[in-house]
Amino acid sequence: RRGALQVRLQRLVEAAAIFLVDAVESKTDACILWPFAKTKAGYGKIVIDGKLVGAHAKALEFSGNAKPSRRHVAAHAPQVCHQPACINPRHLRWALPAENM
């Protein structure tokens, strides 16, 4: 029984990773809403290398936009998107916490 649960969890992790890669490679200008685990505020979350991280931040990183500094956070571009679950890199930018209000 425990082995079956581990297999199901591994498949879910793989599905989330595939969804993230597909979102990064997408050419759409529409929101791409994260369908997996979310924070209470509605932001997507994913486990990568054993760490729970924001799906939108990883989408931005994987799209080739390196994080400028440790202080920067992934933020939705306010003129484009207001959906916390959106992971479309075209809707995201790096911002300092004071800029992400």
Protein backbone atom coordinates (compact mmCIF):
# COMPACT_ATOMS: atom_id res chain seq x y z
CA ARG A 1 0.00 0.00 0.00
CA ARG A 2 2.77 2.44 0.90
CA GLY A 3 4.58 1.66 -2.35
CA ALA A 4 1.44 2.45 -4.36
CA LEU A 5 1.14 5.83 -2.62
CA GLN A 6 4.78 6.64 -3.36
CA VAL A 7 4.22 5.81 -7.03
CA ARG A 8 1.15 8.08 -7.16
CA LEU A 9 3.05 10.93 -5.49
CA GLN A 10 5.99 10.53 -7.87
CA ARG A 11 3.61 10.69 -10.85
CA LEU A 12 2.09 13.88 -9.47
CA VAL A 13 5.54 15.46 -9.04
CA GLU A 14 6.42 14.46 -12.60
CA ALA A 15 3.13 15.86 -13.95
CA ALA A 16 3.77 19.18 -12.19
CA ALA A 17 7.31 19.34 -13.61
CA ILE A 18 6.03 18.62 -17.14
CA PHE A 19 3.34 21.30 -16.77
CA LEU A 20 5.97 23.81 -15.65
CA VAL A 21 8.24 23.03 -18.62
CA ASP A 22 5.30 23.25 -21.04
CA ALA A 23 4.34 26.64 -19.58
CA VAL A 24 7.88 27.96 -19.98
CA GLU A 25 8.02 26.77 -23.60
CA SER A 26 4.54 28.09 -24.46
CA LYS A 27 4.17 31.01 -26.83
CA THR A 28 0.78 32.07 -25.49
CA ASP A 29 0.08 35.51 -24.09
CA ALA A 30 -2.81 34.14 -22.01
CA CYS A 31 -2.55 33.28 -18.33
CA ILE A 32 -1.32 29.77 -17.62
CA LEU A 33 -2.90 28.82 -14.31
CA TRP A 34 -1.10 26.38 -12.03
CA PRO A 35 -3.47 23.43 -11.41
CA PHE A 36 -1.50 21.77 -8.62
CA ALA A 37 -0.76 22.71 -5.00
CA LYS A 38 -1.15 26.37 -4.08
CA THR A 39 -0.49 28.60 -1.11
CA LYS A 40 -3.39 30.15 0.79
CA ALA A 41 -2.86 33.27 -1.31
CA GLY A 42 -3.29 31.22 -4.50
CA TYR A 43 0.32 31.05 -5.70
CA GLY A 44 1.48 27.76 -7.20
CA LYS A 45 4.05 25.72 -5.34
CA ILE A 46 6.25 22.84 -6.46
CA VAL A 47 8.98 20.68 -4.94
CA ILE A 48 12.27 20.95 -6.84
CA ASP A 49 15.44 19.32 -5.53
CA GLY A 50 13.62 18.55 -2.29
CA LYS A 51 12.65 22.19 -1.65
CA LEU A 52 9.17 23.69 -1.81
CA VAL A 53 9.36 26.73 -4.09
CA GLY A 54 7.03 29.10 -5.91
CA ALA A 55 6.00 27.75 -9.31
CA HIS A 56 5.92 31.27 -10.76
CA ALA A 57 9.49 31.93 -9.62
CA LYS A 58 10.71 28.70 -11.19
CA ALA A 59 8.83 29.48 -14.40
CA LEU A 60 10.62 32.82 -14.57
CA GLU A 61 14.02 31.24 -13.84
CA PHE A 62 13.52 28.37 -16.32
CA SER A 63 12.54 30.83 -19.04
CA GLY A 64 16.08 32.23 -18.96
CA ASN A 65 15.45 35.22 -16.69
CA ALA A 66 18.10 34.87 -14.00
CA LYS A 67 17.25 36.23 -10.58
CA PRO A 68 19.14 39.55 -10.30
CA SER A 69 19.84 39.19 -6.58
CA ARG A 70 18.80 37.19 -3.54
CA ARG A 71 16.52 40.08 -2.55
CA HIS A 72 14.44 39.91 -5.73
CA VAL A 73 11.15 38.03 -5.83
CA ALA A 74 9.06 36.80 -8.73
CA ALA A 75 6.21 39.22 -9.30
CA HIS A 76 3.30 39.45 -11.68
CA ALA A 77 3.54 42.39 -14.06
CA PRO A 78 0.63 44.55 -12.82
CA GLN A 79 -0.32 45.87 -16.24
CA VAL A 80 -0.54 42.31 -17.62
CA CYS A 81 -1.73 39.88 -14.96
CA HIS A 82 -3.42 39.81 -11.58
CA GLN A 83 -3.75 36.02 -11.20
CA PRO A 84 -1.59 34.61 -8.38
CA ALA A 85 -1.80 31.12 -9.94
CA CYS A 86 -0.44 32.33 -13.31
CA ILE A 87 2.98 30.94 -14.22
CA ASN A 88 3.28 32.38 -17.74
CA PRO A 89 6.81 33.87 -17.84
CA ARG A 90 5.48 36.62 -20.14
CA HIS A 91 3.39 37.83 -17.20
CA LEU A 92 6.21 37.74 -14.66
CA ARG A 93 9.18 39.89 -13.72
CA TRP A 94 11.76 40.14 -10.96
CA ALA A 95 11.06 42.87 -8.43
CA LEU A 96 12.28 43.99 -5.06
CA PRO A 97 9.73 43.36 -2.29
CA ALA A 98 8.92 47.09 -2.08
CA GLU A 99 8.10 47.08 -5.81
CA ASN A 100 5.85 44.05 -5.47
CA MET A 101 2.95 45.70 -3.69
